[in-house]
Amino acid sequence: MSAPSEHKTVQTRILAYAQEIGWQYVPRAEAEMRRGFDPDGATPEDRARPASLYFGDLLHAQVRAFNPKHKEAEGALVGEFQRLNADIAGNRDFLAYLRNLGKFFCAEENRELDLNLIEYADLDRPREKWRNVYEVTEEFYVHNGRHGTREDVVFLINGMPVLVIECKNATKDEAIALGVDQIRRYHAETPEVMVPEMLFTATEAIGFAYGVTWNTVRRNILRWKHEDLGNLEAKVKSFCAVPQLLRFLKDFILFAEKEEELQKFILRQHQTAAVDKVVARALDPAGQRQDLHHDQGRRAAL
């Protein structure tokens, strides 16, 4: 039996670290069953072609738990997701759903109600009281009838994939750049899978690059830093920590039009920390007005 490749070893380590911080591991076979793969398909493409991107049963159960007056049939919401454009605009619309800005019609009240998909109150709850279901799986295969792609590690919240990690072999030159190239290929060949996925990372066990989907321009691909340099465990456990990922989704991803083109961005690591400090000071009744320096050296009075 051949030894596992280095990128597979990295993948295994990431899955182990994720479980240690509260993510439930879903084996590939179970994930494919829950996504609706055709077990009688003659080829991987045939088995994957009818599959969903979502764990539909879990998503439906969570929607009913968070929205007691939601009466639509299982699969209706997934169908709604599937009608989103497979482009950056569809990704923006999906983020609105993730931020609980969607609506559903309540016949009982004859009006639209807010559709809650994620309980952001988990930010303030201990792990044993989390209401969302946090899962991680591997070898996430998608085939759209033209192309097939297989993502190394995928993180899902309430059955919705939101983060993909590409694992590469450190012995290869430009290993992380190769991982980012894979992410670009997913956008080009199976853009459907990039509609719900909001973030990506690429690692070869030493470096840890990250960014937002639908923006793979080199200058916007960032390095996740940790005081323990070169420690994959520390980087995975800080970047993929449930509270950190919830904050990314809730607060730190934004869309903007630039030169009449929709673009997507994420705050840099030091910017997220600065935002938290500014908000904390603004909300502190005992706080006093003081000056803060921002990156360009100008002064902002609070």
C-alpha atoms as a PDB file:
ATOM      1  CA  MET A   1       0.000   0.000   0.000  1.00  0.00           C
ATOM      2  CA  SER A   2       1.396   3.379  -0.965  1.00  0.00           C
ATOM      3  CA  ALA A   3       1.961   6.001   1.726  1.00  0.00           C
ATOM      4  CA  PRO A   4      -0.527   8.864   1.843  1.00  0.00           C
ATOM      5  CA  SER A   5       0.560  11.939  -0.072  1.00  0.00           C
ATOM      6  CA  GLU A   6       1.679  14.943   1.912  1.00  0.00           C
ATOM      7  CA  HIS A   7      -1.375  16.948   0.883  1.00  0.00           C
ATOM      8  CA  LYS A   8      -3.613  14.129   2.164  1.00  0.00           C
ATOM      9  CA  THR A   9      -1.687  14.174   5.435  1.00  0.00           C
ATOM     10  CA  VAL A  10      -2.331  17.917   5.728  1.00  0.00           C
ATOM     11  CA  GLN A  11      -6.005  17.291   4.963  1.00  0.00           C
ATOM     12  CA  THR A  12      -6.227  14.677   7.720  1.00  0.00           C
ATOM     13  CA  ARG A  13      -4.619  17.034  10.214  1.00  0.00           C
ATOM     14  CA  ILE A  14      -7.030  19.837   9.363  1.00  0.00           C
ATOM     15  CA  LEU A  15     -10.007  17.521   9.875  1.00  0.00           C
ATOM     16  CA  ALA A  16      -8.637  16.460  13.266  1.00  0.00           C
ATOM     17  CA  TYR A  17      -8.025  20.041  14.390  1.00  0.00           C
ATOM     18  CA  ALA A  18     -11.508  21.055  13.253  1.00  0.00           C
ATOM     19  CA  GLN A  19     -13.096  18.336  15.355  1.00  0.00           C
ATOM     20  CA  GLU A  20     -11.147  19.488  18.399  1.00  0.00           C
ATOM     21  CA  ILE A  21     -12.750  22.953  18.157  1.00  0.00           C
ATOM     22  CA  GLY A  22     -16.322  21.730  17.769  1.00  0.00           C
ATOM     23  CA  TRP A  23     -16.844  20.750  14.123  1.00  0.00           C
ATOM     24  CA  GLN A  24     -18.520  17.382  13.580  1.00  0.00           C
ATOM     25  CA  TYR A  25     -16.772  15.209  11.001  1.00  0.00           C
ATOM     26  CA  VAL A  26     -18.960  13.756   8.249  1.00  0.00           C
ATOM     27  CA  PRO A  27     -17.239  10.989   6.248  1.00  0.00           C
ATOM     28  CA  ARG A  28     -17.327  11.385   2.501  1.00  0.00           C
ATOM     29  CA  ALA A  29     -19.706   8.451   1.928  1.00  0.00           C
ATOM     30  CA  GLU A  30     -22.195   9.797   4.471  1.00  0.00           C
ATOM     31  CA  ALA A  31     -21.934  13.307   3.048  1.00  0.00           C
ATOM     32  CA  GLU A  32     -22.674  12.034  -0.457  1.00  0.00           C
ATOM     33  CA  MET A  33     -25.678  10.072   0.780  1.00  0.00           C
ATOM     34  CA  ARG A  34     -27.045  13.147   2.547  1.00  0.00           C
ATOM     35  CA  ARG A  35     -26.478  15.252  -0.554  1.00  0.00           C
ATOM     36  CA  GLY A  36     -28.527  12.835  -2.662  1.00  0.00           C
ATOM     37  CA  PHE A  37     -25.917  11.067  -4.773  1.00  0.00           C
ATOM     38  CA  ASP A  38     -27.308   8.314  -7.000  1.00  0.00           C
ATOM     39  CA  PRO A  39     -25.900   5.045  -5.607  1.00  0.00           C
ATOM     40  CA  ASP A  40     -26.728   3.246  -8.868  1.00  0.00           C
ATOM     41  CA  GLY A  41     -24.795   5.624 -11.103  1.00  0.00           C
ATOM     42  CA  ALA A  42     -22.253   3.896 -13.311  1.00  0.00           C
ATOM     43  CA  THR A  43     -19.576   6.575 -12.921  1.00  0.00           C
ATOM     44  CA  PRO A  44     -18.714   9.219 -10.320  1.00  0.00           C
ATOM     45  CA  GLU A  45     -20.179  11.778 -12.699  1.00  0.00           C
ATOM     46  CA  ASP A  46     -23.453   9.867 -12.935  1.00  0.00           C
ATOM     47  CA  ARG A  47     -23.651   9.477  -9.165  1.00  0.00           C
ATOM     48  CA  ALA A  48     -22.968  13.173  -8.543  1.00  0.00           C
ATOM     49  CA  ARG A  49     -25.123  14.685 -11.279  1.00  0.00           C
ATOM     50  CA  PRO A  50     -28.432  14.710  -9.316  1.00  0.00           C
ATOM     51  CA  ALA A  51     -26.763  15.674  -6.037  1.00  0.00           C
ATOM     52  CA  SER A  52     -27.400  18.828  -4.041  1.00  0.00           C
ATOM     53  CA  LEU A  53     -24.719  21.072  -2.575  1.00  0.00           C
ATOM     54  CA  TYR A  54     -26.592  20.965   0.736  1.00  0.00           C
ATOM     55  CA  PHE A  55     -27.472  18.566   3.504  1.00  0.00           C
ATOM     56  CA  GLY A  56     -31.131  19.181   2.754  1.00  0.00           C
ATOM     57  CA  ASP A  57     -32.630  17.207   5.630  1.00  0.00           C
ATOM     58  CA  LEU A  58     -30.576  19.064   8.217  1.00  0.00           C
ATOM     59  CA  LEU A  59     -31.190  22.437   6.577  1.00  0.00           C
ATOM     60  CA  HIS A  60     -34.950  21.835   6.613  1.00  0.00           C
ATOM     61  CA  ALA A  61     -34.890  20.736  10.256  1.00  0.00           C
ATOM     62  CA  GLN A  62     -32.930  23.805  11.304  1.00  0.00           C
ATOM     63  CA  VAL A  63     -35.182  26.145   9.329  1.00  0.00           C
ATOM     64  CA  ARG A  64     -38.205  24.681  11.105  1.00  0.00           C
ATOM     65  CA  ALA A  65     -36.460  24.974  14.480  1.00  0.00           C
ATOM     66  CA  PHE A  66     -35.497  28.618  13.946  1.00  0.00           C
ATOM     67  CA  ASN A  67     -38.712  29.584  12.129  1.00  0.00           C
ATOM     68  CA  PRO A  68     -41.681  27.747  13.737  1.00  0.00           C
ATOM     69  CA  LYS A  69     -44.147  29.289  11.282  1.00  0.00           C
ATOM     70  CA  HIS A  70     -42.203  28.156   8.214  1.00  0.00           C
ATOM     71  CA  LYS A  71     -44.406  25.510   6.579  1.00  0.00           C
ATOM     72  CA  GLU A  72     -42.816  25.018   3.162  1.00  0.00           C
ATOM     73  CA  ALA A  73     -41.922  21.491   2.125  1.00  0.00           C
ATOM     74  CA  GLU A  74     -38.438  20.070   2.475  1.00  0.00           C
ATOM     75  CA  GLY A  75     -36.474  20.968  -0.632  1.00  0.00           C
ATOM     76  CA  ALA A  76     -38.293  24.232  -1.322  1.00  0.00           C
ATOM     77  CA  LEU A  77     -35.526  26.375   0.127  1.00  0.00           C
ATOM     78  CA  VAL A  78     -32.808  24.405  -1.670  1.00  0.00           C
ATOM     79  CA  GLY A  79     -34.747  24.982  -4.882  1.00  0.00           C
ATOM     80  CA  GLU A  80     -34.740  28.698  -4.097  1.00  0.00           C
ATOM     81  CA  PHE A  81     -30.969  28.579  -3.620  1.00  0.00           C
ATOM     82  CA  GLN A  82     -30.515  26.732  -6.901  1.00  0.00           C
ATOM     83  CA  ARG A  83     -32.265  29.547  -8.756  1.00  0.00           C
ATOM     84  CA  LEU A  84     -29.650  32.073  -7.663  1.00  0.00           C
ATOM     85  CA  ASN A  85     -27.251  33.158 -10.372  1.00  0.00           C
ATOM     86  CA  ALA A  86     -24.012  31.172 -10.422  1.00  0.00           C
ATOM     87  CA  ASP A  87     -21.905  34.299 -10.191  1.00  0.00           C
ATOM     88  CA  ILE A  88     -20.813  36.963  -7.726  1.00  0.00           C
ATOM     89  CA  ALA A  89     -24.330  38.429  -7.646  1.00  0.00           C
ATOM     90  CA  GLY A  90     -25.729  35.059  -6.595  1.00  0.00           C
ATOM     91  CA  ASN A  91     -23.044  34.827  -3.928  1.00  0.00           C
ATOM     92  CA  ARG A  92     -24.038  38.259  -2.612  1.00  0.00           C
ATOM     93  CA  ASP A  93     -27.660  37.148  -2.484  1.00  0.00           C
ATOM     94  CA  PHE A  94     -26.695  33.965  -0.645  1.00  0.00           C
ATOM     95  CA  LEU A  95     -24.772  35.966   1.944  1.00  0.00           C
ATOM     96  CA  ALA A  96     -27.965  37.925   2.556  1.00  0.00           C
ATOM     97  CA  TYR A  97     -29.673  34.608   3.351  1.00  0.00           C
ATOM     98  CA  LEU A  98     -26.812  33.661   5.673  1.00  0.00           C
ATOM     99  CA  ARG A  99     -27.265  36.988   7.456  1.00  0.00           C
ATOM    100  CA  ASN A 100     -30.943  36.172   8.008  1.00  0.00           C
ATOM    101  CA  LEU A 101     -32.134  38.829   5.570  1.00  0.00           C
ATOM    102  CA  GLY A 102     -34.249  36.408   3.548  1.00  0.00           C
ATOM    103  CA  LYS A 103     -38.031  36.228   3.804  1.00  0.00           C
ATOM    104  CA  PHE A 104     -40.745  33.602   3.705  1.00  0.00           C
ATOM    105  CA  PHE A 105     -44.489  33.983   3.372  1.00  0.00           C
ATOM    106  CA  CYS A 106     -46.490  33.063   6.448  1.00  0.00           C
ATOM    107  CA  ALA A 107     -50.040  32.136   5.418  1.00  0.00           C
ATOM    108  CA  GLU A 108     -51.164  32.188   9.042  1.00  0.00           C
ATOM    109  CA  GLU A 109     -50.305  35.875   9.354  1.00  0.00           C
ATOM    110  CA  ASN A 110     -50.735  36.683   5.643  1.00  0.00           C
ATOM    111  CA  ARG A 111     -47.385  38.454   5.501  1.00  0.00           C
ATOM    112  CA  GLU A 112     -43.689  37.882   5.004  1.00  0.00           C
ATOM    113  CA  LEU A 113     -41.508  37.025   7.973  1.00  0.00           C
ATOM    114  CA  ASP A 114     -37.752  37.035   8.414  1.00  0.00           C
ATOM    115  CA  LEU A 115     -36.083  33.758   7.464  1.00  0.00           C
ATOM    116  CA  ASN A 116     -33.484  32.793  10.068  1.00  0.00           C
ATOM    117  CA  LEU A 117     -30.872  30.319   8.825  1.00  0.00           C
ATOM    118  CA  ILE A 118     -28.054  30.855  11.327  1.00  0.00           C
ATOM    119  CA  GLU A 119     -28.222  31.525  15.063  1.00  0.00           C
ATOM    120  CA  TYR A 120     -25.558  34.184  15.552  1.00  0.00           C
ATOM    121  CA  ALA A 121     -26.320  34.098  19.271  1.00  0.00           C
ATOM    122  CA  ASP A 122     -23.958  31.098  19.288  1.00  0.00           C
ATOM    123  CA  LEU A 123     -21.223  33.734  19.451  1.00  0.00           C
ATOM    124  CA  ASP A 124     -22.116  34.195  23.105  1.00  0.00           C
ATOM    125  CA  ARG A 125     -22.958  30.589  23.975  1.00  0.00           C
ATOM    126  CA  PRO A 126     -20.688  27.846  25.309  1.00  0.00           C
ATOM    127  CA  ARG A 127     -20.111  24.991  22.869  1.00  0.00           C
ATOM    128  CA  GLU A 128     -22.527  22.619  24.610  1.00  0.00           C
ATOM    129  CA  LYS A 129     -25.383  25.103  24.024  1.00  0.00           C
ATOM    130  CA  TRP A 130     -24.739  25.890  20.356  1.00  0.00           C
ATOM    131  CA  ARG A 131     -27.948  25.775  18.300  1.00  0.00           C
ATOM    132  CA  ASN A 132     -26.321  25.687  14.878  1.00  0.00           C
ATOM    133  CA  VAL A 133     -24.907  22.427  13.541  1.00  0.00           C
ATOM    134  CA  TYR A 134     -21.266  22.773  12.523  1.00  0.00           C
ATOM    135  CA  GLU A 135     -19.931  20.037  10.232  1.00  0.00           C
ATOM    136  CA  VAL A 136     -16.831  19.383   8.175  1.00  0.00           C
ATOM    137  CA  THR A 137     -16.325  16.902   5.362  1.00  0.00           C
ATOM    138  CA  GLU A 138     -13.771  16.048   2.695  1.00  0.00           C
ATOM    139  CA  GLU A 139     -13.517  15.266  -1.019  1.00  0.00           C
ATOM    140  CA  PHE A 140     -16.600  17.358  -1.773  1.00  0.00           C
ATOM    141  CA  TYR A 141     -17.369  16.301  -5.344  1.00  0.00           C
ATOM    142  CA  VAL A 142     -19.566  18.289  -7.717  1.00  0.00           C
ATOM    143  CA  HIS A 143     -20.433  17.605 -11.368  1.00  0.00           C
ATOM    144  CA  ASN A 144     -22.643  19.981 -13.312  1.00  0.00           C
ATOM    145  CA  GLY A 145     -22.920  17.962 -16.522  1.00  0.00           C
ATOM    146  CA  ARG A 146     -19.914  19.647 -18.086  1.00  0.00           C
ATOM    147  CA  HIS A 147     -17.171  19.653 -15.471  1.00  0.00           C
ATOM    148  CA  GLY A 148     -16.413  17.967 -12.190  1.00  0.00           C
ATOM    149  CA  THR A 149     -14.434  19.347  -9.259  1.00  0.00           C
ATOM    150  CA  ARG A 150     -13.469  17.891  -5.900  1.00  0.00           C
ATOM    151  CA  GLU A 151     -12.768  20.218  -2.964  1.00  0.00           C
ATOM    152  CA  ASP A 152     -10.388  18.938  -0.287  1.00  0.00           C
ATOM    153  CA  VAL A 153     -12.120  20.115   2.921  1.00  0.00           C
ATOM    154  CA  VAL A 154     -15.479  21.861   3.236  1.00  0.00           C
ATOM    155  CA  PHE A 155     -17.071  23.387   6.343  1.00  0.00           C
ATOM    156  CA  LEU A 156     -20.879  23.549   6.575  1.00  0.00           C
ATOM    157  CA  ILE A 157     -23.209  25.393   8.928  1.00  0.00           C
ATOM    158  CA  ASN A 158     -26.720  23.947   9.203  1.00  0.00           C
ATOM    159  CA  GLY A 159     -26.082  21.951   6.050  1.00  0.00           C
ATOM    160  CA  MET A 160     -24.824  24.899   3.957  1.00  0.00           C
ATOM    161  CA  PRO A 161     -21.202  24.891   2.692  1.00  0.00           C
ATOM    162  CA  VAL A 162     -19.500  28.172   3.584  1.00  0.00           C
ATOM    163  CA  LEU A 163     -15.723  27.543   3.647  1.00  0.00           C
ATOM    164  CA  VAL A 164     -13.405  25.477   1.447  1.00  0.00           C
ATOM    165  CA  ILE A 165      -9.775  24.592   2.206  1.00  0.00           C
ATOM    166  CA  GLU A 166      -7.329  23.424  -0.443  1.00  0.00           C
ATOM    167  CA  CYS A 167      -4.408  21.342   0.815  1.00  0.00           C
ATOM    168  CA  LYS A 168      -1.166  21.171  -1.143  1.00  0.00           C
ATOM    169  CA  ASN A 169       2.174  19.414  -0.957  1.00  0.00           C
ATOM    170  CA  ALA A 170       4.868  21.588   0.633  1.00  0.00           C
ATOM    171  CA  THR A 171       7.537  19.958  -1.524  1.00  0.00           C
ATOM    172  CA  LYS A 172       6.074  21.565  -4.640  1.00  0.00           C
ATOM    173  CA  ASP A 173       7.227  25.010  -5.722  1.00  0.00           C
ATOM    174  CA  GLU A 174       4.585  27.693  -5.204  1.00  0.00           C
ATOM    175  CA  ALA A 175       2.351  25.181  -3.402  1.00  0.00           C
ATOM    176  CA  ILE A 176      -0.094  27.764  -2.063  1.00  0.00           C
ATOM    177  CA  ALA A 177      -0.284  29.434  -5.472  1.00  0.00           C
ATOM    178  CA  LEU A 178      -1.277  26.048  -6.893  1.00  0.00           C
ATOM    179  CA  GLY A 179      -4.008  25.803  -4.267  1.00  0.00           C
ATOM    180  CA  VAL A 180      -5.363  29.212  -5.236  1.00  0.00           C
ATOM    181  CA  ASP A 181      -5.273  28.137  -8.885  1.00  0.00           C
ATOM    182  CA  GLN A 182      -7.538  25.243  -7.883  1.00  0.00           C
ATOM    183  CA  ILE A 183      -9.967  27.703  -6.325  1.00  0.00           C
ATOM    184  CA  ARG A 184      -9.948  29.689  -9.574  1.00  0.00           C
ATOM    185  CA  ARG A 185     -10.710  26.501 -11.491  1.00  0.00           C
ATOM    186  CA  TYR A 186     -13.729  25.819  -9.293  1.00  0.00           C
ATOM    187  CA  HIS A 187     -15.075  29.271 -10.141  1.00  0.00           C
ATOM    188  CA  ALA A 188     -14.542  28.691 -13.848  1.00  0.00           C
ATOM    189  CA  GLU A 189     -15.762  25.089 -14.147  1.00  0.00           C
ATOM    190  CA  THR A 190     -18.328  24.586 -11.380  1.00  0.00           C
ATOM    191  CA  PRO A 191     -19.419  28.096 -10.382  1.00  0.00           C
ATOM    192  CA  GLU A 192     -22.546  26.624  -8.772  1.00  0.00           C
ATOM    193  CA  VAL A 193     -20.533  25.360  -5.800  1.00  0.00           C
ATOM    194  CA  MET A 194     -19.089  28.824  -5.225  1.00  0.00           C
ATOM    195  CA  VAL A 195     -22.524  30.405  -4.734  1.00  0.00           C
ATOM    196  CA  PRO A 196     -22.930  29.343  -1.067  1.00  0.00           C
ATOM    197  CA  GLU A 197     -19.217  29.181  -0.254  1.00  0.00           C
ATOM    198  CA  MET A 198     -18.045  32.514   1.112  1.00  0.00           C
ATOM    199  CA  LEU A 199     -14.398  31.975   2.016  1.00  0.00           C
ATOM    200  CA  PHE A 200     -11.444  29.876   0.938  1.00  0.00           C
ATOM    201  CA  THR A 201      -8.025  29.040   2.269  1.00  0.00           C
ATOM    202  CA  ALA A 202      -5.016  27.283   0.778  1.00  0.00           C
ATOM    203  CA  THR A 203      -2.257  25.698   2.838  1.00  0.00           C
ATOM    204  CA  GLU A 204       0.750  23.409   2.549  1.00  0.00           C
ATOM    205  CA  ALA A 205       1.013  23.021   6.348  1.00  0.00           C
ATOM    206  CA  ILE A 206       3.233  26.085   6.842  1.00  0.00           C
ATOM    207  CA  GLY A 207       1.640  29.019   5.081  1.00  0.00           C
ATOM    208  CA  PHE A 208      -2.071  29.738   5.362  1.00  0.00           C
ATOM    209  CA  ALA A 209      -3.534  31.980   2.651  1.00  0.00           C
ATOM    210  CA  TYR A 210      -7.153  33.073   2.736  1.00  0.00           C
ATOM    211  CA  GLY A 211      -9.632  35.194   0.858  1.00  0.00           C
ATOM    212  CA  VAL A 212     -13.219  35.463  -0.225  1.00  0.00           C
ATOM    213  CA  THR A 213     -14.729  33.532  -3.086  1.00  0.00           C
ATOM    214  CA  TRP A 214     -15.318  35.499  -6.293  1.00  0.00           C
ATOM    215  CA  ASN A 215     -12.193  37.527  -5.634  1.00  0.00           C
ATOM    216  CA  THR A 216      -9.009  35.601  -6.376  1.00  0.00           C
ATOM    217  CA  VAL A 217      -6.961  38.621  -7.451  1.00  0.00           C
ATOM    218  CA  ARG A 218      -3.514  38.108  -6.000  1.00  0.00           C
ATOM    219  CA  ARG A 219      -3.405  41.365  -4.017  1.00  0.00           C
ATOM    220  CA  ASN A 220      -6.621  40.357  -2.234  1.00  0.00           C
ATOM    221  CA  ILE A 221      -5.342  36.963  -1.096  1.00  0.00           C
ATOM    222  CA  LEU A 222      -4.138  37.421   2.464  1.00  0.00           C
ATOM    223  CA  ARG A 223      -1.965  35.572   4.973  1.00  0.00           C
ATOM    224  CA  TRP A 224      -3.534  34.418   8.218  1.00  0.00           C
ATOM    225  CA  LYS A 225      -1.042  35.119  10.969  1.00  0.00           C
ATOM    226  CA  HIS A 226      -0.524  33.575  14.376  1.00  0.00           C
ATOM    227  CA  GLU A 227       2.129  34.286  16.958  1.00  0.00           C
ATOM    228  CA  ASP A 228       3.180  30.639  16.734  1.00  0.00           C
ATOM    229  CA  LEU A 229       4.767  30.918  13.294  1.00  0.00           C
ATOM    230  CA  GLY A 230       4.462  27.937  10.961  1.00  0.00           C
ATOM    231  CA  ASN A 231       2.077  26.107  13.290  1.00  0.00           C
ATOM    232  CA  LEU A 232      -0.742  24.669  11.170  1.00  0.00           C
ATOM    233  CA  GLU A 233      -2.760  23.623  14.210  1.00  0.00           C
ATOM    234  CA  ALA A 234      -2.733  27.137  15.654  1.00  0.00           C
ATOM    235  CA  LYS A 235      -3.766  28.672  12.337  1.00  0.00           C
ATOM    236  CA  VAL A 236      -6.584  26.216  11.665  1.00  0.00           C
ATOM    237  CA  LYS A 237      -7.925  26.501  15.210  1.00  0.00           C
ATOM    238  CA  SER A 238      -7.916  30.299  15.117  1.00  0.00           C
ATOM    239  CA  PHE A 239      -9.198  30.826  11.553  1.00  0.00           C
ATOM    240  CA  CYS A 240     -11.804  28.023  11.641  1.00  0.00           C
ATOM    241  CA  ALA A 241     -12.952  28.614  15.212  1.00  0.00           C
ATOM    242  CA  VAL A 242     -16.747  28.754  15.204  1.00  0.00           C
ATOM    243  CA  PRO A 243     -16.923  32.298  16.642  1.00  0.00           C
ATOM    244  CA  GLN A 244     -14.342  33.509  14.124  1.00  0.00           C
ATOM    245  CA  LEU A 245     -16.183  32.010  11.160  1.00  0.00           C
ATOM    246  CA  LEU A 246     -19.503  33.408  12.378  1.00  0.00           C
ATOM    247  CA  ARG A 247     -17.923  36.862  12.613  1.00  0.00           C
ATOM    248  CA  PHE A 248     -16.574  36.538   9.066  1.00  0.00           C
ATOM    249  CA  LEU A 249     -20.052  35.751   7.785  1.00  0.00           C
ATOM    250  CA  LYS A 250     -21.903  38.263   9.925  1.00  0.00           C
ATOM    251  CA  ASP A 251     -19.591  41.277   9.909  1.00  0.00           C
ATOM    252  CA  PHE A 252     -16.398  41.065   7.914  1.00  0.00           C
ATOM    253  CA  ILE A 253     -17.391  40.309   4.299  1.00  0.00           C
ATOM    254  CA  LEU A 254     -18.666  43.098   2.100  1.00  0.00           C
ATOM    255  CA  PHE A 255     -19.705  43.751  -1.470  1.00  0.00           C
ATOM    256  CA  ALA A 256     -19.163  47.031  -3.290  1.00  0.00           C
ATOM    257  CA  GLU A 257     -19.419  48.365  -6.818  1.00  0.00           C
ATOM    258  CA  LYS A 258     -16.172  49.604  -8.279  1.00  0.00           C
ATOM    259  CA  GLU A 259     -16.093  51.016 -11.791  1.00  0.00           C
ATOM    260  CA  GLU A 260     -19.619  49.649 -12.325  1.00  0.00           C
ATOM    261  CA  GLU A 261     -18.512  46.128 -11.403  1.00  0.00           C
ATOM    262  CA  LEU A 262     -19.637  44.215  -8.331  1.00  0.00           C
ATOM    263  CA  GLN A 263     -16.681  43.219  -6.157  1.00  0.00           C
ATOM    264  CA  LYS A 264     -16.284  41.302  -2.910  1.00  0.00           C
ATOM    265  CA  PHE A 265     -13.843  41.939  -0.080  1.00  0.00           C
ATOM    266  CA  ILE A 266     -12.947  40.761   3.400  1.00  0.00           C
ATOM    267  CA  LEU A 267     -11.442  42.799   6.201  1.00  0.00           C
ATOM    268  CA  ARG A 268      -7.813  42.020   6.901  1.00  0.00           C
ATOM    269  CA  GLN A 269      -6.918  40.305  10.152  1.00  0.00           C
ATOM    270  CA  HIS A 270      -5.675  43.465  11.874  1.00  0.00           C
ATOM    271  CA  GLN A 271      -8.706  45.406  10.610  1.00  0.00           C
ATOM    272  CA  THR A 272     -11.130  42.995  12.269  1.00  0.00           C
ATOM    273  CA  ALA A 273      -9.342  43.455  15.574  1.00  0.00           C
ATOM    274  CA  ALA A 274      -9.430  47.242  15.159  1.00  0.00           C
ATOM    275  CA  VAL A 275     -13.163  47.182  14.407  1.00  0.00           C
ATOM    276  CA  ASP A 276     -13.834  45.207  17.591  1.00  0.00           C
ATOM    277  CA  LYS A 277     -11.809  47.662  19.673  1.00  0.00           C
ATOM    278  CA  VAL A 278     -13.571  50.699  18.206  1.00  0.00           C
ATOM    279  CA  VAL A 279     -17.030  49.181  18.739  1.00  0.00           C
ATOM    280  CA  ALA A 280     -16.154  48.175  22.302  1.00  0.00           C
ATOM    281  CA  ARG A 281     -15.025  51.715  23.093  1.00  0.00           C
ATOM    282  CA  ALA A 282     -18.096  53.223  21.468  1.00  0.00           C
ATOM    283  CA  LEU A 283     -20.374  51.006  23.569  1.00  0.00           C
ATOM    284  CA  ASP A 284     -18.463  51.510  26.813  1.00  0.00           C
ATOM    285  CA  PRO A 285     -20.377  54.090  28.880  1.00  0.00           C
ATOM    286  CA  ALA A 286     -17.272  54.710  30.948  1.00  0.00           C
ATOM    287  CA  GLY A 287     -15.080  55.237  27.911  1.00  0.00           C
ATOM    288  CA  GLN A 288     -13.565  58.620  27.231  1.00  0.00           C
ATOM    289  CA  ARG A 289     -12.968  60.393  23.945  1.00  0.00           C
ATOM    290  CA  GLN A 290      -9.507  59.602  22.630  1.00  0.00           C
ATOM    291  CA  ASP A 291      -7.565  59.600  19.405  1.00  0.00           C
ATOM    292  CA  LEU A 292      -6.742  56.467  17.447  1.00  0.00           C
ATOM    293  CA  HIS A 293      -4.167  56.137  14.670  1.00  0.00           C
ATOM    294  CA  HIS A 294      -5.265  54.189  11.637  1.00  0.00           C
ATOM    295  CA  ASP A 295      -3.059  52.569   9.009  1.00  0.00           C
ATOM    296  CA  GLN A 296      -2.253  55.708   7.024  1.00  0.00           C
ATOM    297  CA  GLY A 297      -1.101  57.569  10.119  1.00  0.00           C
ATOM    298  CA  ARG A 298      -4.011  60.002  10.133  1.00  0.00           C
ATOM    299  CA  ARG A 299      -5.941  60.515  13.355  1.00  0.00           C
ATOM    300  CA  ALA A 300      -9.565  59.609  13.982  1.00  0.00           C
ATOM    301  CA  ALA A 301     -11.226  61.090  17.050  1.00  0.00           C
ATOM    302  CA  LEU A 302     -13.687  58.945  18.966  1.00  0.00           C
END
